[in-house]
Amino acid sequence: MAKRYSIAEARSNLPTIVDQAEAGQEIELTRRGTAVAVVISLREYARLRGVRTPFGDAYKHFLSTHALGDIGLEPGALAASRTKDAGRKVEL
């Protein structure tokens, strides 16, 4: 269940609200008892918008946290498997 703050309460509790949102809680802001806005973490916002990490960035992160040998691959095995071909012909 989302935590609820009136806009007046939110003004005086903004650091707490940001910490709660960052921790994964959804925060509802109300005006006269009616929910008018939601505060969520940047991670949740990106997920909802469908923002995806580019493959190259995800792969670099993977390599920085895992050793290819741990999953049975020699270093450079994935790079060696890429073809140097230009790809298929496309007629426009």
C-alpha atoms as a PDB file:
ATOM      1  CA  MET A   1       0.000   0.000   0.000  1.00  0.00           C
ATOM      2  CA  ALA A   2       1.301   3.437  -0.890  1.00  0.00           C
ATOM      3  CA  LYS A   3       2.098   5.944   1.822  1.00  0.00           C
ATOM      4  CA  ARG A   4       0.013   9.103   1.621  1.00  0.00           C
ATOM      5  CA  TYR A   5       1.004  12.672   2.334  1.00  0.00           C
ATOM      6  CA  SER A   6      -0.958  15.840   1.853  1.00  0.00           C
ATOM      7  CA  ILE A   7       0.852  18.411  -0.248  1.00  0.00           C
ATOM      8  CA  ALA A   8       1.385  20.513   2.888  1.00  0.00           C
ATOM      9  CA  GLU A   9       2.947  17.518   4.683  1.00  0.00           C
ATOM     10  CA  ALA A  10       5.042  16.732   1.619  1.00  0.00           C
ATOM     11  CA  ARG A  11       6.566  20.215   1.658  1.00  0.00           C
ATOM     12  CA  SER A  12       7.916  19.725   5.160  1.00  0.00           C
ATOM     13  CA  ASN A  13       8.864  16.042   4.690  1.00  0.00           C
ATOM     14  CA  LEU A  14      10.464  16.084   1.240  1.00  0.00           C
ATOM     15  CA  PRO A  15      13.794  14.464   2.297  1.00  0.00           C
ATOM     16  CA  THR A  16      11.892  11.610   3.980  1.00  0.00           C
ATOM     17  CA  ILE A  17       9.615  11.173   0.962  1.00  0.00           C
ATOM     18  CA  VAL A  18      12.590  11.025  -1.402  1.00  0.00           C
ATOM     19  CA  ASP A  19      14.289   8.427   0.824  1.00  0.00           C
ATOM     20  CA  GLN A  20      11.121   6.324   0.893  1.00  0.00           C
ATOM     21  CA  ALA A  21      10.691   6.515  -2.884  1.00  0.00           C
ATOM     22  CA  GLU A  22      14.349   5.639  -3.385  1.00  0.00           C
ATOM     23  CA  ALA A  23      13.804   2.587  -1.159  1.00  0.00           C
ATOM     24  CA  GLY A  24      11.030   1.416  -3.492  1.00  0.00           C
ATOM     25  CA  GLN A  25       7.917   2.744  -1.775  1.00  0.00           C
ATOM     26  CA  GLU A  26       5.218   4.482  -3.773  1.00  0.00           C
ATOM     27  CA  ILE A  27       4.176   7.780  -2.239  1.00  0.00           C
ATOM     28  CA  GLU A  28       0.782   9.348  -2.977  1.00  0.00           C
ATOM     29  CA  LEU A  29       0.392  13.096  -2.672  1.00  0.00           C
ATOM     30  CA  THR A  30      -3.100  14.278  -1.871  1.00  0.00           C
ATOM     31  CA  ARG A  31      -5.007  17.530  -2.169  1.00  0.00           C
ATOM     32  CA  ARG A  32      -8.073  17.779   0.059  1.00  0.00           C
ATOM     33  CA  GLY A  33      -7.960  14.005   0.582  1.00  0.00           C
ATOM     34  CA  THR A  34      -7.842  13.104  -3.121  1.00  0.00           C
ATOM     35  CA  ALA A  35      -4.711  11.545  -4.622  1.00  0.00           C
ATOM     36  CA  VAL A  36      -3.286  13.912  -7.257  1.00  0.00           C
ATOM     37  CA  ALA A  37       0.287  12.681  -7.792  1.00  0.00           C
ATOM     38  CA  VAL A  38       2.654   9.817  -7.077  1.00  0.00           C
ATOM     39  CA  VAL A  39       6.348   9.933  -6.178  1.00  0.00           C
ATOM     40  CA  ILE A  40       8.372   6.907  -7.319  1.00  0.00           C
ATOM     41  CA  SER A  41      12.061   6.082  -7.610  1.00  0.00           C
ATOM     42  CA  LEU A  42      13.996   6.904 -10.748  1.00  0.00           C
ATOM     43  CA  ARG A  43      14.552   3.174 -11.306  1.00  0.00           C
ATOM     44  CA  GLU A  44      10.801   2.488 -11.232  1.00  0.00           C
ATOM     45  CA  TYR A  45      10.134   5.475 -13.505  1.00  0.00           C
ATOM     46  CA  ALA A  46      12.658   4.175 -16.056  1.00  0.00           C
ATOM     47  CA  ARG A  47      11.099   0.697 -15.859  1.00  0.00           C
ATOM     48  CA  LEU A  48       7.625   2.088 -16.461  1.00  0.00           C
ATOM     49  CA  ARG A  49       8.815   4.182 -19.393  1.00  0.00           C
ATOM     50  CA  GLY A  50      10.458   1.148 -20.937  1.00  0.00           C
ATOM     51  CA  VAL A  51      13.950   2.636 -20.865  1.00  0.00           C
ATOM     52  CA  ARG A  52      16.371  -0.166 -21.528  1.00  0.00           C
ATOM     53  CA  THR A  53      20.099  -0.319 -20.990  1.00  0.00           C
ATOM     54  CA  PRO A  54      21.903  -0.580 -24.333  1.00  0.00           C
ATOM     55  CA  PHE A  55      23.336  -4.063 -24.896  1.00  0.00           C
ATOM     56  CA  GLY A  56      26.927  -2.800 -24.992  1.00  0.00           C
ATOM     57  CA  ASP A  57      26.552  -1.144 -21.593  1.00  0.00           C
ATOM     58  CA  ALA A  58      24.876  -4.228 -20.116  1.00  0.00           C
ATOM     59  CA  TYR A  59      27.643  -6.444 -21.505  1.00  0.00           C
ATOM     60  CA  LYS A  60      30.386  -4.198 -20.084  1.00  0.00           C
ATOM     61  CA  HIS A  61      28.653  -4.303 -16.707  1.00  0.00           C
ATOM     62  CA  PHE A  62      28.374  -8.100 -16.957  1.00  0.00           C
ATOM     63  CA  LEU A  63      32.094  -8.401 -17.738  1.00  0.00           C
ATOM     64  CA  SER A  64      32.974  -6.125 -14.826  1.00  0.00           C
ATOM     65  CA  THR A  65      31.073  -8.342 -12.378  1.00  0.00           C
ATOM     66  CA  HIS A  66      31.612 -11.850 -13.811  1.00  0.00           C
ATOM     67  CA  ALA A  67      34.546 -13.799 -15.151  1.00  0.00           C
ATOM     68  CA  LEU A  68      33.851 -15.571 -18.458  1.00  0.00           C
ATOM     69  CA  GLY A  69      35.818 -18.550 -17.161  1.00  0.00           C
ATOM     70  CA  ASP A  70      33.199 -18.972 -14.424  1.00  0.00           C
ATOM     71  CA  ILE A  71      30.608 -19.818 -17.079  1.00  0.00           C
ATOM     72  CA  GLY A  72      32.916 -21.966 -19.196  1.00  0.00           C
ATOM     73  CA  LEU A  73      34.016 -19.419 -21.807  1.00  0.00           C
ATOM     74  CA  GLU A  74      37.525 -18.409 -22.729  1.00  0.00           C
ATOM     75  CA  PRO A  75      38.271 -14.667 -22.714  1.00  0.00           C
ATOM     76  CA  GLY A  76      37.645 -13.354 -26.232  1.00  0.00           C
ATOM     77  CA  ALA A  77      35.398 -16.295 -27.167  1.00  0.00           C
ATOM     78  CA  LEU A  78      32.381 -14.077 -27.734  1.00  0.00           C
ATOM     79  CA  ALA A  79      34.301 -11.508 -29.786  1.00  0.00           C
ATOM     80  CA  ALA A  80      35.794 -14.281 -31.932  1.00  0.00           C
ATOM     81  CA  SER A  81      32.328 -15.640 -32.726  1.00  0.00           C
ATOM     82  CA  ARG A  82      31.195 -12.400 -34.397  1.00  0.00           C
ATOM     83  CA  THR A  83      31.205 -12.401 -38.162  1.00  0.00           C
ATOM     84  CA  LYS A  84      32.990  -9.671 -40.095  1.00  0.00           C
ATOM     85  CA  ASP A  85      30.351  -9.754 -42.858  1.00  0.00           C
ATOM     86  CA  ALA A  86      28.440  -6.579 -43.603  1.00  0.00           C
ATOM     87  CA  GLY A  87      25.161  -8.406 -43.077  1.00  0.00           C
ATOM     88  CA  ARG A  88      22.351  -9.233 -45.446  1.00  0.00           C
ATOM     89  CA  LYS A  89      21.601  -7.156 -48.505  1.00  0.00           C
ATOM     90  CA  VAL A  90      18.630  -4.872 -48.204  1.00  0.00           C
ATOM     91  CA  GLU A  91      16.910  -3.301 -51.166  1.00  0.00           C
ATOM     92  CA  LEU A  92      15.235   0.004 -50.473  1.00  0.00           C
END
